[in-house]
Amino acid sequence: MKKIISLCCLIQLLFGNAEAQKNNNIKYSKLFKYHYFTYWSYSVGLGTAAYHGDLCGRPECNSYLPAASLGLNYKIWPHTYLGAELNYFRLQAIAHHKSSASDVKFTSQNFDFKLFGRYNLLEDKYRTVSDRSNFKRFNLYGQVGIGMVYFNPSSTLLLTGERPAKIQKQSYPAYALIVPFSLGVSYAFSRKLMLIAEGTLCLTGTDYLDDYGGTYGNPNKRNDSYGLALLKLQLTPGVPQDKKRKTAGGKNKLKSNPPPRRTSNRKPAGRRPPERR
C-alpha cells in the first residue's frame, strides 16, 4: 500500500505541474535585461556505458552494454537549470590481470542517482511578455552534479568460469559517492519537444567498481570511473507554444501581434449637398 501511495505522489509531482505551468510563468531578469520562462521538463534516454579501472583501462576491453535514464529539471534563471536523474546501466569488461593466469571477465549491475546544475550556452530572449520570435533550435550545455552509485560486480576466470583466487574480499552490493560532469548538444523540434545527445564522465569514491582493488589492484591508480553516452527526448508541457495562422497561400506562419491602429479625432466626411442651379 505504501508503494502505491508513493507511486501516486511521484506521478503527481512529475505531471501535476503541467496544469499550473499554463499560467504564463514569465519573469524578468534584471541581470540579463530580458524576460524568461520558468518551467519543468521531463526526459527519457537510451544509450551505452563503459568504465575505467584496475581490470580495464582501455576502450577496446569494454563491452558497451545498454543504459537507460529518467530525469527532470527546472529552469530557475536564464541559462540555468536544476535537476535530478536516475540511470540504470550495466558494465562489462574482459581483460588480462596480473594476478590471474587467464583473462578475467567482470560484470556489474548498476544504478546511479544524481542532482545537477546545468548551464545553457544560448538563451531564448523575450523582449516583451508576448514576444515569441527569438527561438534557438540548437544549443550547447555543460552540467555538473553530485550523487550516489549502487554497484554489484562479479568477476570470473574466462576459461574456467570460477572466481579468481587472488582477489580482495568485499561485500556487495555496495554504494559510493559520484561527481558527474556532462556535456550535451540539443535540437528543439518545438518549444515543447527536444532531442539531446549527452556524454557524462562520473568520478567515483571507490576502487572496487570492477571487483578489483586494494592489494590486488593497482595502488598507484586513482579510484574507478565510468562514462555514459545517452540520446534523450525531453518534454516540456508547460512552456507556451507559438500560435500559427493560415495565410492566403495556405501556409502556416507564426502569429504576431498586429500594429496598433491609429485613431483620429476628425469626424468622417458626410455626403455633399447637391449644388443649386
C-alpha atoms as a PDB file:
ATOM      1  CA  MET A   1       0.000   0.000   0.000  1.00  0.00           C
ATOM      2  CA  LYS A   2       2.844   2.382   0.848  1.00  0.00           C
ATOM      3  CA  LYS A   3       4.436   1.698  -2.553  1.00  0.00           C
ATOM      4  CA  ILE A   4       1.177   2.541  -4.348  1.00  0.00           C
ATOM      5  CA  ILE A   5       0.836   5.810  -2.398  1.00  0.00           C
ATOM      6  CA  SER A   6       4.472   6.700  -3.160  1.00  0.00           C
ATOM      7  CA  LEU A   7       3.940   5.986  -6.866  1.00  0.00           C
ATOM      8  CA  CYS A   8       0.832   8.196  -6.948  1.00  0.00           C
ATOM      9  CA  CYS A   9       2.744  11.025  -5.266  1.00  0.00           C
ATOM     10  CA  LEU A  10       5.570  10.691  -7.813  1.00  0.00           C
ATOM     11  CA  ILE A  11       3.132  10.837 -10.751  1.00  0.00           C
ATOM     12  CA  GLN A  12       1.504  13.922  -9.241  1.00  0.00           C
ATOM     13  CA  LEU A  13       4.922  15.540  -8.800  1.00  0.00           C
ATOM     14  CA  LEU A  14       6.001  14.835 -12.370  1.00  0.00           C
ATOM     15  CA  PHE A  15       2.820  15.521 -14.310  1.00  0.00           C
ATOM     16  CA  GLY A  16       0.662  17.573 -11.969  1.00  0.00           C
ATOM     17  CA  ASN A  17       2.757  20.672 -12.597  1.00  0.00           C
ATOM     18  CA  ALA A  18       1.785  20.859 -16.272  1.00  0.00           C
ATOM     19  CA  GLU A  19      -1.590  22.472 -15.496  1.00  0.00           C
ATOM     20  CA  ALA A  20      -0.031  25.026 -13.186  1.00  0.00           C
ATOM     21  CA  GLN A  21       2.563  25.958 -15.805  1.00  0.00           C
ATOM     22  CA  LYS A  22      -0.125  27.114 -18.225  1.00  0.00           C
ATOM     23  CA  ASN A  23      -0.374  30.347 -16.250  1.00  0.00           C
ATOM     24  CA  ASN A  24       2.466  32.015 -18.202  1.00  0.00           C
ATOM     25  CA  ASN A  25       5.312  31.631 -15.686  1.00  0.00           C
ATOM     26  CA  ILE A  26       7.272  34.508 -17.185  1.00  0.00           C
ATOM     27  CA  LYS A  27       9.676  36.623 -15.151  1.00  0.00           C
ATOM     28  CA  TYR A  28      12.056  39.496 -15.782  1.00  0.00           C
ATOM     29  CA  SER A  29      15.798  39.232 -15.105  1.00  0.00           C
ATOM     30  CA  LYS A  30      17.411  42.479 -14.018  1.00  0.00           C
ATOM     31  CA  LEU A  31      20.843  40.888 -14.535  1.00  0.00           C
ATOM     32  CA  PHE A  32      20.254  39.785 -18.155  1.00  0.00           C
ATOM     33  CA  LYS A  33      17.749  42.571 -19.002  1.00  0.00           C
ATOM     34  CA  TYR A  34      15.085  40.396 -20.643  1.00  0.00           C
ATOM     35  CA  HIS A  35      12.123  38.159 -19.847  1.00  0.00           C
ATOM     36  CA  TYR A  36      12.362  34.392 -19.382  1.00  0.00           C
ATOM     37  CA  PHE A  37      10.037  31.471 -18.620  1.00  0.00           C
ATOM     38  CA  THR A  38      10.330  29.121 -15.636  1.00  0.00           C
ATOM     39  CA  TYR A  39       9.124  25.568 -16.306  1.00  0.00           C
ATOM     40  CA  TRP A  40       9.556  21.851 -15.605  1.00  0.00           C
ATOM     41  CA  SER A  41      10.995  19.445 -18.195  1.00  0.00           C
ATOM     42  CA  TYR A  42      10.972  15.628 -18.228  1.00  0.00           C
ATOM     43  CA  SER A  43      13.392  13.397 -20.125  1.00  0.00           C
ATOM     44  CA  VAL A  44      13.851   9.739 -21.063  1.00  0.00           C
ATOM     45  CA  GLY A  45      17.001   8.375 -22.672  1.00  0.00           C
ATOM     46  CA  LEU A  46      18.803   5.300 -24.002  1.00  0.00           C
ATOM     47  CA  GLY A  47      22.490   4.745 -24.632  1.00  0.00           C
ATOM     48  CA  THR A  48      25.525   2.793 -23.501  1.00  0.00           C
ATOM     49  CA  ALA A  49      28.113   2.753 -20.698  1.00  0.00           C
ATOM     50  CA  ALA A  50      31.806   1.977 -20.212  1.00  0.00           C
ATOM     51  CA  TYR A  51      34.268   2.206 -17.332  1.00  0.00           C
ATOM     52  CA  HIS A  52      37.953   2.770 -16.472  1.00  0.00           C
ATOM     53  CA  GLY A  53      39.545   0.851 -13.594  1.00  0.00           C
ATOM     54  CA  ASP A  54      42.093  -1.719 -12.426  1.00  0.00           C
ATOM     55  CA  LEU A  55      40.968  -4.518 -14.734  1.00  0.00           C
ATOM     56  CA  CYS A  56      40.246  -2.468 -17.864  1.00  0.00           C
ATOM     57  CA  GLY A  57      41.749   0.916 -18.628  1.00  0.00           C
ATOM     58  CA  ARG A  58      41.228   0.989 -22.413  1.00  0.00           C
ATOM     59  CA  PRO A  59      38.142   1.448 -24.627  1.00  0.00           C
ATOM     60  CA  GLU A  60      38.627  -1.839 -26.503  1.00  0.00           C
ATOM     61  CA  CYS A  61      38.233  -4.106 -23.446  1.00  0.00           C
ATOM     62  CA  ASN A  62      34.781  -2.683 -22.587  1.00  0.00           C
ATOM     63  CA  SER A  63      31.618  -4.415 -23.826  1.00  0.00           C
ATOM     64  CA  TYR A  64      29.416  -1.255 -24.090  1.00  0.00           C
ATOM     65  CA  LEU A  65      26.152  -2.653 -22.720  1.00  0.00           C
ATOM     66  CA  PRO A  66      22.820  -0.734 -22.792  1.00  0.00           C
ATOM     67  CA  ALA A  67      21.927   2.102 -20.409  1.00  0.00           C
ATOM     68  CA  ALA A  68      18.664   3.949 -19.696  1.00  0.00           C
ATOM     69  CA  SER A  69      17.778   7.179 -17.892  1.00  0.00           C
ATOM     70  CA  LEU A  70      14.827   9.125 -16.449  1.00  0.00           C
ATOM     71  CA  GLY A  71      15.169  12.741 -15.445  1.00  0.00           C
ATOM     72  CA  LEU A  72      13.515  16.049 -14.686  1.00  0.00           C
ATOM     73  CA  ASN A  73      14.814  19.590 -14.443  1.00  0.00           C
ATOM     74  CA  TYR A  74      13.509  23.045 -13.607  1.00  0.00           C
ATOM     75  CA  LYS A  75      14.580  26.321 -15.182  1.00  0.00           C
ATOM     76  CA  ILE A  76      15.204  28.802 -12.398  1.00  0.00           C
ATOM     77  CA  TRP A  77      17.069  31.656 -14.187  1.00  0.00           C
ATOM     78  CA  PRO A  78      18.131  32.476 -17.741  1.00  0.00           C
ATOM     79  CA  HIS A  79      20.569  29.786 -18.982  1.00  0.00           C
ATOM     80  CA  THR A  80      20.325  27.946 -15.632  1.00  0.00           C
ATOM     81  CA  TYR A  81      18.579  24.677 -14.684  1.00  0.00           C
ATOM     82  CA  LEU A  82      18.480  22.441 -11.611  1.00  0.00           C
ATOM     83  CA  GLY A  83      17.537  18.781 -11.970  1.00  0.00           C
ATOM     84  CA  ALA A  84      17.680  15.148 -10.905  1.00  0.00           C
ATOM     85  CA  GLU A  85      18.310  11.977 -12.885  1.00  0.00           C
ATOM     86  CA  LEU A  86      18.148   8.211 -12.331  1.00  0.00           C
ATOM     87  CA  ASN A  87      20.277   5.947 -14.551  1.00  0.00           C
ATOM     88  CA  TYR A  88      20.397   2.185 -14.967  1.00  0.00           C
ATOM     89  CA  PHE A  89      23.420   0.674 -16.718  1.00  0.00           C
ATOM     90  CA  ARG A  90      25.482  -2.498 -16.922  1.00  0.00           C
ATOM     91  CA  LEU A  91      29.270  -2.596 -17.014  1.00  0.00           C
ATOM     92  CA  GLN A  92      31.258  -5.448 -18.507  1.00  0.00           C
ATOM     93  CA  ALA A  93      34.907  -5.895 -19.490  1.00  0.00           C
ATOM     94  CA  ILE A  94      37.238  -8.745 -20.482  1.00  0.00           C
ATOM     95  CA  ALA A  95      40.955  -8.246 -19.880  1.00  0.00           C
ATOM     96  CA  HIS A  96      44.075  -9.890 -18.504  1.00  0.00           C
ATOM     97  CA  HIS A  97      45.028  -9.165 -14.899  1.00  0.00           C
ATOM     98  CA  LYS A  98      48.482  -9.703 -13.469  1.00  0.00           C
ATOM     99  CA  SER A  99      47.135 -11.811 -10.574  1.00  0.00           C
ATOM    100  CA  SER A 100      45.461 -14.405 -12.853  1.00  0.00           C
ATOM    101  CA  ALA A 101      46.819 -16.853 -15.427  1.00  0.00           C
ATOM    102  CA  SER A 102      43.893 -16.349 -17.847  1.00  0.00           C
ATOM    103  CA  ASP A 103      41.718 -13.441 -18.877  1.00  0.00           C
ATOM    104  CA  VAL A 104      39.127 -12.182 -16.383  1.00  0.00           C
ATOM    105  CA  LYS A 105      35.556 -11.179 -17.145  1.00  0.00           C
ATOM    106  CA  PHE A 106      33.712  -8.826 -14.858  1.00  0.00           C
ATOM    107  CA  THR A 107      30.026  -7.804 -14.996  1.00  0.00           C
ATOM    108  CA  SER A 108      28.134  -5.351 -12.804  1.00  0.00           C
ATOM    109  CA  GLN A 109      24.518  -4.199 -12.463  1.00  0.00           C
ATOM    110  CA  ASN A 110      24.413  -0.508 -11.542  1.00  0.00           C
ATOM    111  CA  PHE A 111      22.063   2.325 -10.636  1.00  0.00           C
ATOM    112  CA  ASP A 112      23.042   5.909 -10.006  1.00  0.00           C
ATOM    113  CA  PHE A 113      21.072   8.934  -8.826  1.00  0.00           C
ATOM    114  CA  LYS A 114      22.364  12.473  -9.141  1.00  0.00           C
ATOM    115  CA  LEU A 115      21.395  16.083  -8.535  1.00  0.00           C
ATOM    116  CA  PHE A 116      22.845  18.528 -11.033  1.00  0.00           C
ATOM    117  CA  GLY A 117      23.088  22.087 -12.233  1.00  0.00           C
ATOM    118  CA  ARG A 118      23.053  22.851 -15.972  1.00  0.00           C
ATOM    119  CA  TYR A 119      24.097  25.953 -17.901  1.00  0.00           C
ATOM    120  CA  ASN A 120      22.879  26.507 -21.484  1.00  0.00           C
ATOM    121  CA  LEU A 121      25.144  28.448 -23.811  1.00  0.00           C
ATOM    122  CA  LEU A 122      22.258  30.119 -25.677  1.00  0.00           C
ATOM    123  CA  GLU A 123      19.009  31.544 -24.362  1.00  0.00           C
ATOM    124  CA  ASP A 124      15.587  32.469 -25.771  1.00  0.00           C
ATOM    125  CA  LYS A 125      15.419  36.203 -25.108  1.00  0.00           C
ATOM    126  CA  TYR A 126      11.891  37.590 -24.722  1.00  0.00           C
ATOM    127  CA  ARG A 127      11.906  41.350 -25.151  1.00  0.00           C
ATOM    128  CA  THR A 128       8.264  41.586 -24.085  1.00  0.00           C
ATOM    129  CA  VAL A 129       5.822  39.240 -22.378  1.00  0.00           C
ATOM    130  CA  SER A 130       4.164  38.316 -25.703  1.00  0.00           C
ATOM    131  CA  ASP A 131       7.406  38.003 -27.706  1.00  0.00           C
ATOM    132  CA  ARG A 132       7.930  34.537 -29.288  1.00  0.00           C
ATOM    133  CA  SER A 133      10.262  35.424 -32.158  1.00  0.00           C
ATOM    134  CA  ASN A 134      13.684  34.637 -30.621  1.00  0.00           C
ATOM    135  CA  PHE A 135      13.733  30.819 -30.644  1.00  0.00           C
ATOM    136  CA  LYS A 136      17.000  28.814 -30.533  1.00  0.00           C
ATOM    137  CA  ARG A 137      16.808  25.352 -32.118  1.00  0.00           C
ATOM    138  CA  PHE A 138      20.422  24.272 -31.489  1.00  0.00           C
ATOM    139  CA  ASN A 139      22.066  24.671 -28.095  1.00  0.00           C
ATOM    140  CA  LEU A 140      25.085  23.510 -26.116  1.00  0.00           C
ATOM    141  CA  TYR A 141      25.276  22.995 -22.356  1.00  0.00           C
ATOM    142  CA  GLY A 142      27.568  21.960 -19.539  1.00  0.00           C
ATOM    143  CA  GLN A 143      26.475  20.158 -16.399  1.00  0.00           C
ATOM    144  CA  VAL A 144      27.963  19.186 -13.024  1.00  0.00           C
ATOM    145  CA  GLY A 145      26.424  17.429 -10.039  1.00  0.00           C
ATOM    146  CA  ILE A 146      26.754  15.056  -7.115  1.00  0.00           C
ATOM    147  CA  GLY A 147      25.139  11.696  -6.421  1.00  0.00           C
ATOM    148  CA  MET A 148      25.433   8.045  -5.417  1.00  0.00           C
ATOM    149  CA  VAL A 149      26.037   4.848  -7.397  1.00  0.00           C
ATOM    150  CA  TYR A 150      24.823   1.364  -6.488  1.00  0.00           C
ATOM    151  CA  PHE A 151      27.089  -1.380  -7.895  1.00  0.00           C
ATOM    152  CA  ASN A 152      27.176  -5.170  -7.650  1.00  0.00           C
ATOM    153  CA  PRO A 153      30.198  -6.561  -9.554  1.00  0.00           C
ATOM    154  CA  SER A 154      31.204 -10.177 -10.063  1.00  0.00           C
ATOM    155  CA  SER A 155      34.410 -11.410 -11.729  1.00  0.00           C
ATOM    156  CA  THR A 156      35.179 -14.863 -13.159  1.00  0.00           C
ATOM    157  CA  LEU A 157      38.051 -16.518 -14.995  1.00  0.00           C
ATOM    158  CA  LEU A 158      37.171 -16.648 -18.687  1.00  0.00           C
ATOM    159  CA  LEU A 159      38.420 -20.247 -19.192  1.00  0.00           C
ATOM    160  CA  THR A 160      37.006 -21.956 -16.094  1.00  0.00           C
ATOM    161  CA  GLY A 161      34.166 -19.663 -15.035  1.00  0.00           C
ATOM    162  CA  GLU A 162      35.469 -19.670 -11.446  1.00  0.00           C
ATOM    163  CA  ARG A 163      36.076 -16.670  -9.241  1.00  0.00           C
ATOM    164  CA  PRO A 164      39.759 -15.581  -9.256  1.00  0.00           C
ATOM    165  CA  ALA A 165      41.653 -16.801  -6.192  1.00  0.00           C
ATOM    166  CA  LYS A 166      43.774 -13.688  -5.770  1.00  0.00           C
ATOM    167  CA  ILE A 167      41.141 -11.022  -5.253  1.00  0.00           C
ATOM    168  CA  GLN A 168      40.263  -8.744  -2.371  1.00  0.00           C
ATOM    169  CA  LYS A 169      37.185  -9.939  -0.496  1.00  0.00           C
ATOM    170  CA  GLN A 170      34.430  -7.319  -0.465  1.00  0.00           C
ATOM    171  CA  SER A 171      30.723  -7.386   0.420  1.00  0.00           C
ATOM    172  CA  TYR A 172      28.341  -6.492  -2.397  1.00  0.00           C
ATOM    173  CA  PRO A 173      26.124  -4.768  -3.346  1.00  0.00           C
ATOM    174  CA  ALA A 174      27.796  -1.533  -2.297  1.00  0.00           C
ATOM    175  CA  TYR A 175      27.375   2.243  -2.639  1.00  0.00           C
ATOM    176  CA  ALA A 176      29.805   5.039  -3.487  1.00  0.00           C
ATOM    177  CA  LEU A 177      29.793   8.803  -3.941  1.00  0.00           C
ATOM    178  CA  ILE A 178      29.962  10.122  -7.523  1.00  0.00           C
ATOM    179  CA  VAL A 179      30.723  13.507  -9.088  1.00  0.00           C
ATOM    180  CA  PRO A 180      29.342  13.593 -12.683  1.00  0.00           C
ATOM    181  CA  PHE A 181      30.454  16.021 -15.407  1.00  0.00           C
ATOM    182  CA  SER A 182      28.373  16.260 -18.606  1.00  0.00           C
ATOM    183  CA  LEU A 183      28.465  17.989 -21.981  1.00  0.00           C
ATOM    184  CA  GLY A 184      25.476  17.970 -24.309  1.00  0.00           C
ATOM    185  CA  VAL A 185      24.042  19.302 -27.548  1.00  0.00           C
ATOM    186  CA  SER A 186      20.293  19.744 -28.074  1.00  0.00           C
ATOM    187  CA  TYR A 187      17.975  20.257 -31.038  1.00  0.00           C
ATOM    188  CA  ALA A 188      14.470  21.613 -30.420  1.00  0.00           C
ATOM    189  CA  PHE A 189      11.703  20.370 -32.725  1.00  0.00           C
ATOM    190  CA  SER A 190       9.441  22.852 -30.952  1.00  0.00           C
ATOM    191  CA  ARG A 191       9.327  24.657 -27.630  1.00  0.00           C
ATOM    192  CA  LYS A 192       7.821  21.516 -26.082  1.00  0.00           C
ATOM    193  CA  LEU A 193       9.944  18.700 -27.599  1.00  0.00           C
ATOM    194  CA  MET A 194      13.734  18.449 -27.725  1.00  0.00           C
ATOM    195  CA  LEU A 195      16.324  15.831 -28.776  1.00  0.00           C
ATOM    196  CA  ILE A 196      19.522  15.721 -26.674  1.00  0.00           C
ATOM    197  CA  ALA A 197      22.854  13.943 -27.175  1.00  0.00           C
ATOM    198  CA  GLU A 198      24.798  13.853 -23.895  1.00  0.00           C
ATOM    199  CA  GLY A 199      28.100  12.433 -22.679  1.00  0.00           C
ATOM    200  CA  THR A 200      28.838  12.043 -18.949  1.00  0.00           C
ATOM    201  CA  LEU A 201      32.004  11.191 -17.016  1.00  0.00           C
ATOM    202  CA  CYS A 202      31.416  10.048 -13.417  1.00  0.00           C
ATOM    203  CA  LEU A 203      34.285  10.123 -10.916  1.00  0.00           C
ATOM    204  CA  THR A 204      33.600   7.658  -8.092  1.00  0.00           C
ATOM    205  CA  GLY A 205      34.721   7.297  -4.484  1.00  0.00           C
ATOM    206  CA  THR A 206      35.509   3.576  -4.822  1.00  0.00           C
ATOM    207  CA  ASP A 207      38.258   1.397  -6.307  1.00  0.00           C
ATOM    208  CA  TYR A 208      36.041  -1.715  -6.405  1.00  0.00           C
ATOM    209  CA  LEU A 209      33.686  -0.871  -9.253  1.00  0.00           C
ATOM    210  CA  ASP A 210      35.196  -3.805 -11.196  1.00  0.00           C
ATOM    211  CA  ASP A 211      35.722  -6.067  -8.126  1.00  0.00           C
ATOM    212  CA  TYR A 212      39.485  -5.372  -8.206  1.00  0.00           C
ATOM    213  CA  GLY A 213      41.174  -3.047  -5.741  1.00  0.00           C
ATOM    214  CA  GLY A 214      43.279  -2.883  -2.602  1.00  0.00           C
ATOM    215  CA  THR A 215      46.127  -5.445  -2.501  1.00  0.00           C
ATOM    216  CA  TYR A 216      45.384  -6.924  -5.928  1.00  0.00           C
ATOM    217  CA  GLY A 217      44.524  -3.652  -7.617  1.00  0.00           C
ATOM    218  CA  ASN A 218      46.894  -1.011  -8.870  1.00  0.00           C
ATOM    219  CA  PRO A 219      47.995   1.027  -5.814  1.00  0.00           C
ATOM    220  CA  ASN A 220      49.176   3.911  -7.997  1.00  0.00           C
ATOM    221  CA  LYS A 221      45.825   4.242  -9.776  1.00  0.00           C
ATOM    222  CA  ARG A 222      43.038   6.569  -8.833  1.00  0.00           C
ATOM    223  CA  ASN A 223      39.542   5.378  -7.978  1.00  0.00           C
ATOM    224  CA  ASP A 224      37.476   3.798 -10.748  1.00  0.00           C
ATOM    225  CA  SER A 225      35.338   5.926 -13.060  1.00  0.00           C
ATOM    226  CA  TYR A 226      32.676   5.297 -15.674  1.00  0.00           C
ATOM    227  CA  GLY A 227      31.025   7.086 -18.552  1.00  0.00           C
ATOM    228  CA  LEU A 228      27.566   7.250 -20.134  1.00  0.00           C
ATOM    229  CA  ALA A 229      26.620   8.212 -23.698  1.00  0.00           C
ATOM    230  CA  LEU A 230      22.862   8.881 -23.943  1.00  0.00           C
ATOM    231  CA  LEU A 231      20.345  10.040 -26.538  1.00  0.00           C
ATOM    232  CA  LYS A 232      17.358  11.680 -24.813  1.00  0.00           C
ATOM    233  CA  LEU A 233      13.929  13.048 -25.606  1.00  0.00           C
ATOM    234  CA  GLN A 234      12.929  15.979 -23.398  1.00  0.00           C
ATOM    235  CA  LEU A 235       9.296  17.082 -22.992  1.00  0.00           C
ATOM    236  CA  THR A 236       8.289  20.498 -21.633  1.00  0.00           C
ATOM    237  CA  PRO A 237       4.478  20.522 -21.384  1.00  0.00           C
ATOM    238  CA  GLY A 238       4.127  23.859 -19.583  1.00  0.00           C
ATOM    239  CA  VAL A 239       6.037  26.205 -21.878  1.00  0.00           C
ATOM    240  CA  PRO A 240       3.787  28.395 -24.117  1.00  0.00           C
ATOM    241  CA  GLN A 241       3.710  27.257 -27.737  1.00  0.00           C
ATOM    242  CA  ASP A 242       3.795  29.515 -30.770  1.00  0.00           C
ATOM    243  CA  LYS A 243       0.335  30.038 -32.267  1.00  0.00           C
ATOM    244  CA  LYS A 244       0.032  29.763 -36.030  1.00  0.00           C
ATOM    245  CA  ARG A 245      -2.409  31.234 -38.505  1.00  0.00           C
ATOM    246  CA  LYS A 246      -3.134  30.388 -42.124  1.00  0.00           C
ATOM    247  CA  THR A 247      -2.238  32.919 -44.794  1.00  0.00           C
ATOM    248  CA  ALA A 248      -3.850  33.403 -48.168  1.00  0.00           C
ATOM    249  CA  GLY A 249      -1.348  30.964 -49.760  1.00  0.00           C
ATOM    250  CA  GLY A 250      -2.367  28.196 -47.358  1.00  0.00           C
ATOM    251  CA  LYS A 251       0.942  28.115 -45.459  1.00  0.00           C
ATOM    252  CA  ASN A 252       1.192  28.459 -41.698  1.00  0.00           C
ATOM    253  CA  LYS A 253       3.035  31.420 -40.307  1.00  0.00           C
ATOM    254  CA  LEU A 254       3.788  32.453 -36.766  1.00  0.00           C
ATOM    255  CA  LYS A 255       1.084  34.676 -35.403  1.00  0.00           C
ATOM    256  CA  SER A 256       2.419  38.089 -34.432  1.00  0.00           C
ATOM    257  CA  ASN A 257       0.739  40.979 -32.716  1.00  0.00           C
ATOM    258  CA  PRO A 258      -0.801  43.403 -35.270  1.00  0.00           C
ATOM    259  CA  PRO A 259       0.415  47.005 -35.149  1.00  0.00           C
ATOM    260  CA  PRO A 260      -1.849  49.334 -33.145  1.00  0.00           C
ATOM    261  CA  ARG A 261      -4.429  51.268 -35.165  1.00  0.00           C
ATOM    262  CA  ARG A 262      -4.063  55.000 -35.304  1.00  0.00           C
ATOM    263  CA  THR A 263      -7.070  56.896 -34.074  1.00  0.00           C
ATOM    264  CA  SER A 264      -8.062  60.378 -35.142  1.00  0.00           C
ATOM    265  CA  ASN A 265     -10.439  62.970 -33.737  1.00  0.00           C
ATOM    266  CA  ARG A 266     -11.568  64.040 -37.219  1.00  0.00           C
ATOM    267  CA  LYS A 267     -15.191  63.359 -37.982  1.00  0.00           C
ATOM    268  CA  PRO A 268     -15.937  61.282 -41.057  1.00  0.00           C
ATOM    269  CA  ALA A 269     -16.872  63.386 -44.016  1.00  0.00           C
ATOM    270  CA  GLY A 270     -20.573  63.207 -44.992  1.00  0.00           C
ATOM    271  CA  ARG A 271     -22.179  63.441 -48.421  1.00  0.00           C
ATOM    272  CA  ARG A 272     -22.011  66.775 -50.178  1.00  0.00           C
ATOM    273  CA  PRO A 273     -25.326  68.503 -50.573  1.00  0.00           C
ATOM    274  CA  PRO A 274     -26.342  68.868 -54.229  1.00  0.00           C
ATOM    275  CA  GLU A 275     -25.495  72.240 -55.807  1.00  0.00           C
ATOM    276  CA  ARG A 276     -28.359  74.587 -56.627  1.00  0.00           C
ATOM    277  CA  ARG A 277     -28.659  75.722 -60.182  1.00  0.00           C
END
